[in-house]
C-alpha cells in the first residue's frame, strides 16, 4: 500500500471516529419557524415570542423557535402552505382566514354574541370551540390554541355617531363572507384588502374606515391616518395557533403533551394580558390624538339578528357553538 493510500485510510478512520464521538442532535432540534401576520407589538406575535421563550428554557424539548412577524414567511395562505408541507412548523393566524376553509369557524363572528373580550375568551374552552380546531387536521394542520387580540371596532377618517353615518362608507373588512355580510347589512361598502395595503389605502382614499381591534391600531399607528375610533364592539376576533401536522406527527407523545401544556399557559396569559391592557391601549390612543366614541349596541340589534340567523342556518356546527355560548 502506498503512502497516499495509508493517508487516505487513516483520514477516513479519523473522520468516522470523530463523527461517532460527537453527540447526535435530532433533526427536530433545528430551528422551528413560527410565522405571524402581525407586527411585534401585537398580541399574536407576543404570544409566539412567549412560547419561544418558554421552549428555550425547557431543555427536555431540545427545540429552538424563531419567530417571523409581519408576514416575513409570506402571507397567511403562503404560511399555511409551508406548514402543510412541513417547511415551517407554527403559525398564529386570524380565525377569519380559517372560515374560508371550513364554515364552522364563522361561529366566532356572529355579531354581538360576546359582550366583551372576557366572554369571548371563556368560549375558547368550550368543546365546540376545540372541535373546530380538529377540523383542520385533514388539511395537514393541528389546531392548538386560541389567542384574542380584542373585540372588533371601527376606525374612521370621519366621525360616526349612528348607523346612518355608515351609509356608503368604504370599510376595509376582513375578507370573508360574514364580515362582508355585516358591513353590507349596516349600509357600508365593505372592501377586502390585505393588511399591508390598509395604510396606503387610507391615505389615497381607496377606503374611508377599517374594521379593527385596538391592538393592531396602536401597533401600526393607524390612528395617524384615521383618527376616529368608534367602539362598536361588534365581533370577537380570535387567532388560532396552528402546527404543521407533518412535523407534529414526528414528535414523541411526551413532547406533544409538553407543547400542548405550554400553549394552555400562553393562551391564558394572552387573554389576561389583553383584558388588562385593552382599556390602557384605548387611553394611549386618546393621548396620541385619537378621538374615541362609543355607540350603544342596541342600535345594531336588528342587523345583528339578521346576520346571526343567516349564518346559524348555514352550518350545524355554527348553531351548536352559538347554543353553547348562550349557555355559558
Protein backbone atom coordinates (compact mmCIF):
# COMPACT_ATOMS: atom_id res chain seq x y z
CA UNK A 1 0.00 0.00 0.00
CA UNK A 2 1.39 3.37 -0.95
CA UNK A 3 1.87 6.23 1.46
CA UNK A 4 -1.07 8.04 -0.15
CA UNK A 5 -3.36 5.07 0.42
CA UNK A 6 -2.22 4.83 4.05
CA UNK A 7 -3.01 8.51 4.45
CA UNK A 8 -6.47 8.19 2.91
CA UNK A 9 -7.30 5.20 5.12
CA UNK A 10 -6.10 6.98 8.24
CA UNK A 11 -8.07 10.13 7.48
CA UNK A 12 -11.24 8.15 6.79
CA UNK A 13 -10.90 6.35 10.09
CA UNK A 14 -10.32 9.63 11.92
CA UNK A 15 -13.42 11.22 10.38
CA UNK A 16 -15.55 8.19 11.28
CA UNK A 17 -14.25 8.08 14.84
CA UNK A 18 -14.83 11.79 15.30
CA UNK A 19 -18.38 11.55 13.96
CA UNK A 20 -19.15 8.64 16.30
CA UNK A 21 -17.75 10.55 19.26
CA UNK A 22 -19.93 13.61 18.67
CA UNK A 23 -23.36 13.68 20.34
CA UNK A 24 -26.16 13.15 17.85
CA UNK A 25 -28.58 16.06 17.54
CA UNK A 26 -32.08 15.06 16.48
CA UNK A 27 -33.40 16.74 13.35
CA UNK A 28 -36.23 18.17 15.43
CA UNK A 29 -33.71 20.28 17.36
CA UNK A 30 -33.23 22.51 14.33
CA UNK A 31 -34.73 25.98 14.42
CA UNK A 32 -38.52 25.91 14.38
CA UNK A 33 -40.08 28.54 12.13
CA UNK A 34 -43.06 30.39 13.61
CA UNK A 35 -44.74 32.90 11.31
CA UNK A 36 -47.27 35.57 12.32
CA UNK A 37 -49.05 38.14 10.14
CA UNK A 38 -48.84 40.87 12.77
CA UNK A 39 -46.15 43.37 13.86
CA UNK A 40 -44.09 42.71 17.02
CA UNK A 41 -46.29 44.79 19.40
CA UNK A 42 -49.42 42.77 18.54
CA UNK A 43 -50.55 40.02 20.92
CA UNK A 44 -50.35 37.38 18.16
CA UNK A 45 -46.62 37.99 17.84
CA UNK A 46 -46.16 38.48 21.59
CA UNK A 47 -47.78 35.09 22.20
CA UNK A 48 -45.43 33.49 19.66
CA UNK A 49 -42.44 35.11 21.36
CA UNK A 50 -43.59 33.97 24.80
CA UNK A 51 -43.94 30.41 23.52
CA UNK A 52 -40.41 30.65 22.07
CA UNK A 53 -39.04 31.85 25.43
CA UNK A 54 -40.67 29.02 27.38
CA UNK A 55 -39.47 26.43 24.88
CA UNK A 56 -35.91 27.81 25.01
CA UNK A 57 -35.87 27.36 28.78
CA UNK A 58 -37.20 23.80 28.60
CA UNK A 59 -34.23 21.52 27.93
CA UNK A 60 -36.46 18.45 27.70
CA UNK A 61 -37.86 19.69 24.40
CA UNK A 62 -34.50 20.33 22.71
CA UNK A 63 -36.19 22.82 20.37
CA UNK A 64 -35.35 26.33 19.26
CA UNK A 65 -38.14 28.61 17.97
CA UNK A 66 -37.54 31.57 15.69
CA UNK A 67 -40.48 33.96 15.25
CA UNK A 68 -41.07 35.68 11.90
CA UNK A 69 -43.55 38.56 12.44
CA UNK A 70 -45.25 40.81 9.89
CA UNK A 71 -45.74 38.12 7.23
CA UNK A 72 -42.00 37.56 6.84
CA UNK A 73 -42.68 33.93 5.95
CA UNK A 74 -45.33 35.07 3.48
CA UNK A 75 -49.00 35.97 3.72
CA UNK A 76 -51.46 33.70 5.52
CA UNK A 77 -52.18 31.33 2.58
CA UNK A 78 -48.44 31.03 1.87
CA UNK A 79 -47.62 30.33 5.51
CA UNK A 80 -50.35 27.70 5.75
CA UNK A 81 -48.92 26.01 2.67
CA UNK A 82 -45.49 26.00 4.32
CA UNK A 83 -46.99 24.27 7.36
CA UNK A 84 -48.78 21.71 5.23
CA UNK A 85 -45.51 20.78 3.54
CA UNK A 86 -43.51 20.84 6.77
CA UNK A 87 -41.28 23.71 5.57
CA UNK A 88 -42.49 25.78 8.56
CA UNK A 89 -43.82 24.44 11.84
CA UNK A 90 -46.01 27.04 13.59
CA UNK A 91 -48.23 29.97 12.76
CA UNK A 92 -50.84 32.10 14.50
CA UNK A 93 -53.46 33.34 12.08
CA UNK A 94 -56.85 35.07 12.31
CA UNK A 95 -59.66 32.56 12.63
CA UNK A 96 -61.42 34.62 9.98
CA UNK A 97 -58.99 33.16 7.44
CA UNK A 98 -59.89 29.64 8.56
CA UNK A 99 -63.59 30.26 7.95
CA UNK A 100 -62.71 30.19 4.26
CA UNK A 101 -61.52 26.61 4.82
CA UNK A 102 -64.41 25.42 6.99
CA UNK A 103 -67.72 27.20 7.63
CA UNK A 104 -67.75 26.15 11.30
CA UNK A 105 -65.31 28.95 12.14
CA UNK A 106 -67.91 31.57 11.19
CA UNK A 107 -69.44 30.77 14.56
CA UNK A 108 -66.88 33.05 16.20
CA UNK A 109 -68.10 36.10 14.29
CA UNK A 110 -71.83 36.20 14.98
CA UNK A 111 -72.40 39.90 15.70
CA UNK A 112 -72.70 40.88 19.36
CA UNK A 113 -72.51 37.29 20.59
CA UNK A 114 -69.90 38.32 23.16
CA UNK A 115 -70.41 41.36 25.40
CA UNK A 116 -66.69 41.65 25.99
CA UNK A 117 -63.31 40.04 25.48
CA UNK A 118 -63.72 38.13 28.75
CA UNK A 119 -66.73 36.19 27.48
CA UNK A 120 -65.09 35.55 24.11
CA UNK A 121 -62.00 34.15 25.82
CA UNK A 122 -64.10 31.91 28.05
CA UNK A 123 -65.78 30.44 24.95
CA UNK A 124 -62.42 29.13 23.73
CA UNK A 125 -62.63 26.41 26.39
CA UNK A 126 -65.96 25.09 25.09
CA UNK A 127 -65.83 21.61 23.50
CA UNK A 128 -67.47 23.08 20.39
CA UNK A 129 -64.62 25.59 20.05
CA UNK A 130 -61.98 22.88 20.42
CA UNK A 131 -63.82 20.68 17.95
CA UNK A 132 -63.45 23.40 15.31
CA UNK A 133 -59.67 23.16 15.57
CA UNK A 134 -59.72 19.41 14.91
CA UNK A 135 -61.44 20.03 11.58
CA UNK A 136 -58.15 21.29 10.19
CA UNK A 137 -56.24 18.04 10.63
CA UNK A 138 -57.41 16.67 7.30
CA UNK A 139 -55.73 19.72 5.76
CA UNK A 140 -52.40 18.95 7.42
CA UNK A 141 -52.83 21.46 10.27
CA UNK A 142 -53.02 20.80 14.01
CA UNK A 143 -55.04 23.45 15.89
CA UNK A 144 -53.55 24.09 19.32
CA UNK A 145 -54.95 27.25 20.95
CA UNK A 146 -56.90 30.49 20.56
CA UNK A 147 -55.35 33.92 21.09
CA UNK A 148 -57.57 37.02 21.34
CA UNK A 149 -56.36 40.49 20.39
CA UNK A 150 -59.64 42.12 21.44
CA UNK A 151 -63.13 42.92 20.19
CA UNK A 152 -63.71 44.48 16.78
CA UNK A 153 -64.36 48.19 16.41
CA UNK A 154 -64.35 50.77 13.61
CA UNK A 155 -61.56 53.23 12.82
CA UNK A 156 -62.74 56.01 10.52
CA UNK A 157 -61.46 59.15 8.83
CA UNK A 158 -64.78 60.81 9.68
CA UNK A 159 -66.87 60.88 12.86
CA UNK A 160 -69.53 58.17 13.21
CA UNK A 161 -72.33 58.53 15.77
CA UNK A 162 -75.13 56.28 14.46
CA UNK A 163 -75.80 53.62 11.78
CA UNK A 164 -76.95 56.27 9.30
CA UNK A 165 -73.39 57.64 9.22
CA UNK A 166 -72.20 54.30 7.83
CA UNK A 167 -74.19 54.54 4.61
CA UNK A 168 -71.81 54.23 1.65
CA UNK A 169 -68.72 54.28 3.91
CA UNK A 170 -65.89 52.31 2.29
CA UNK A 171 -64.84 50.00 5.11
CA UNK A 172 -61.88 47.68 4.90
CA UNK A 173 -63.47 44.48 6.13
CA UNK A 174 -61.74 41.20 6.81
CA UNK A 175 -62.02 39.19 3.57
CA UNK A 176 -64.63 36.60 4.40
CA UNK A 177 -68.38 36.17 3.98
CA UNK A 178 -69.61 37.21 7.41
CA UNK A 179 -67.64 40.45 7.56
CA UNK A 180 -68.88 41.34 4.07
CA UNK A 181 -72.45 40.49 5.07
CA UNK A 182 -72.24 42.52 8.27
CA UNK A 183 -70.93 45.73 6.76
CA UNK A 184 -73.30 45.43 3.81
CA UNK A 185 -76.25 44.99 6.18
CA UNK A 186 -75.47 48.22 8.06
CA UNK A 187 -75.22 50.15 4.81
CA UNK A 188 -71.45 50.40 4.39
CA UNK A 189 -69.43 49.36 1.34
CA UNK A 190 -67.11 46.55 2.52
CA UNK A 191 -63.75 46.42 0.78
CA UNK A 192 -61.38 43.46 1.10
CA UNK A 193 -57.71 44.43 1.33
CA UNK A 194 -54.65 42.60 2.66
CA UNK A 195 -53.18 44.05 5.85
CA UNK A 196 -50.14 45.73 4.21
CA UNK A 197 -52.40 47.75 1.90
CA UNK A 198 -54.58 49.29 4.61
CA UNK A 199 -52.42 52.29 5.48
CA UNK A 200 -51.73 53.43 1.90
CA UNK A 201 -55.40 52.88 1.03
CA UNK A 202 -56.46 55.19 3.86
CA UNK A 203 -54.06 57.84 2.54
CA UNK A 204 -55.24 57.59 -1.06
CA UNK A 205 -58.94 57.38 -0.21
CA UNK A 206 -59.47 53.85 -1.50
CA UNK A 207 -61.10 53.23 1.89
CA UNK A 208 -62.69 55.54 4.48
CA UNK A 209 -62.56 53.28 7.50
CA UNK A 210 -61.21 49.98 8.85
CA UNK A 211 -62.76 47.16 10.87
CA UNK A 212 -60.11 46.72 13.60
CA UNK A 213 -59.04 45.58 17.03
CA UNK A 214 -57.28 48.25 19.09
CA UNK A 215 -54.09 46.19 19.26
CA UNK A 216 -53.48 46.49 15.53
CA UNK A 217 -54.42 50.19 15.58
CA UNK A 218 -51.70 51.07 18.05
CA UNK A 219 -49.25 48.56 16.56
CA UNK A 220 -49.45 50.11 13.08
CA UNK A 221 -50.33 53.65 14.29
CA UNK A 222 -53.42 53.58 12.10
CA UNK A 223 -54.96 56.46 14.06
CA UNK A 224 -52.47 58.80 12.40
CA UNK A 225 -54.41 58.33 9.15
CA UNK A 226 -57.92 57.82 10.56
CA UNK A 227 -58.36 59.47 13.95
CA UNK A 228 -61.93 58.46 14.83
CA UNK A 229 -62.10 55.24 16.84
CA UNK A 230 -65.70 54.09 17.24
CA UNK A 231 -66.00 51.41 19.92
CA UNK A 232 -68.72 49.28 18.35
CA UNK A 233 -67.61 46.02 19.98
CA UNK A 234 -69.47 44.20 17.20
CA UNK A 235 -67.50 40.94 16.97
CA UNK A 236 -64.83 38.81 18.57
CA UNK A 237 -61.69 38.20 16.54
CA UNK A 238 -59.67 35.22 17.78
CA UNK A 239 -56.49 33.92 16.25
CA UNK A 240 -55.63 30.23 16.08
CA UNK A 241 -52.27 28.65 16.83
CA UNK A 242 -51.61 26.07 14.13
CA UNK A 243 -48.89 23.44 13.85
CA UNK A 244 -47.62 21.52 10.86
CA UNK A 245 -49.10 18.02 11.14
CA UNK A 246 -46.12 16.66 9.18
CA UNK A 247 -43.82 17.98 11.92
CA UNK A 248 -46.16 17.25 14.85
CA UNK A 249 -46.58 13.60 13.98
CA UNK A 250 -42.80 13.12 14.22
CA UNK A 251 -42.75 14.22 17.87
CA UNK A 252 -42.99 11.65 20.62
CA UNK A 253 -46.01 11.72 22.93
CA UNK A 254 -44.10 13.37 25.78
CA UNK A 255 -43.08 16.36 23.64
CA UNK A 256 -46.57 16.70 22.21
CA UNK A 257 -48.00 16.76 25.73
CA UNK A 258 -45.46 19.33 26.90
CA UNK A 259 -46.09 21.65 23.92
CA UNK A 260 -49.84 21.38 24.45
CA UNK A 261 -49.38 22.33 28.10
CA UNK A 262 -47.22 25.32 27.19
CA UNK A 263 -49.91 26.57 24.81
CA UNK A 264 -52.54 26.26 27.53
CA UNK A 265 -50.36 28.55 29.64
CA UNK A 266 -49.72 31.02 26.82
CA UNK A 267 -53.40 31.08 25.85
CA UNK A 268 -54.39 32.02 29.42
CA UNK A 269 -51.57 34.58 29.71
CA UNK A 270 -52.51 36.28 26.43
CA UNK A 271 -56.19 36.55 27.39
CA UNK A 272 -55.38 38.01 30.82
CA UNK A 273 -52.91 40.41 29.21
CA UNK A 274 -55.40 41.70 26.66
CA UNK A 275 -58.26 42.06 29.15
CA UNK A 276 -55.95 44.06 31.42
CA UNK A 277 -54.47 46.13 28.59
CA UNK A 278 -57.48 46.90 26.39
CA UNK A 279 -58.55 49.99 28.35
CA UNK A 280 -54.93 51.13 28.63
CA UNK A 281 -54.46 50.86 24.85
CA UNK A 282 -57.57 52.96 24.25
CA UNK A 283 -56.25 55.57 26.70
CA UNK A 284 -52.89 55.63 24.90
CA UNK A 285 -54.64 56.12 21.57
CA UNK A 286 -56.65 59.02 23.00
CA UNK A 287 -53.49 60.59 24.40
CA UNK A 288 -51.91 60.25 20.96
CA UNK A 289 -54.66 62.09 19.14
CA UNK A 290 -57.36 59.50 18.50
CA UNK A 291 -60.94 60.66 19.05
CA UNK A 292 -62.86 57.86 20.76
CA UNK A 293 -66.62 57.45 20.52
CA UNK A 294 -68.88 54.70 21.84
CA UNK A 295 -72.06 53.50 20.13
CA UNK A 296 -74.74 51.61 22.02
CA UNK A 297 -75.00 48.06 20.70
CA UNK A 298 -78.81 48.24 20.75
CA UNK A 299 -78.85 50.37 17.59
CA UNK A 300 -77.30 47.47 15.69
CA UNK A 301 -79.56 44.76 17.17
CA UNK A 302 -81.79 44.23 14.09
CA UNK A 303 -78.76 43.88 11.80
CA UNK A 304 -77.01 41.55 14.25
CA UNK A 305 -80.01 39.22 14.47
CA UNK A 306 -80.39 39.01 10.70
CA UNK A 307 -76.72 38.12 10.15
CA UNK A 308 -76.66 35.65 13.06
CA UNK A 309 -79.78 33.86 11.80
CA UNK A 310 -78.32 33.65 8.29
CA UNK A 311 -75.06 32.05 9.39
CA UNK A 312 -76.51 29.80 12.09
CA UNK A 313 -78.63 28.25 9.35
CA UNK A 314 -75.53 27.76 7.22
CA UNK A 315 -73.83 25.02 9.24
CA UNK A 316 -74.92 22.84 12.20
CA UNK A 317 -71.52 23.42 13.85
CA UNK A 318 -72.20 27.18 13.95
CA UNK A 319 -75.60 26.55 15.54
CA UNK A 320 -74.05 24.20 18.13
CA UNK A 321 -71.36 26.74 19.02
CA UNK A 322 -73.87 29.59 19.34
CA UNK A 323 -76.08 27.45 21.60
CA UNK A 324 -73.10 26.50 23.79
CA UNK A 325 -72.05 30.16 24.11
CA UNK A 326 -75.59 31.15 25.09
CA UNK A 327 -75.46 28.65 27.97
CA UNK A 328 -72.03 29.55 29.34
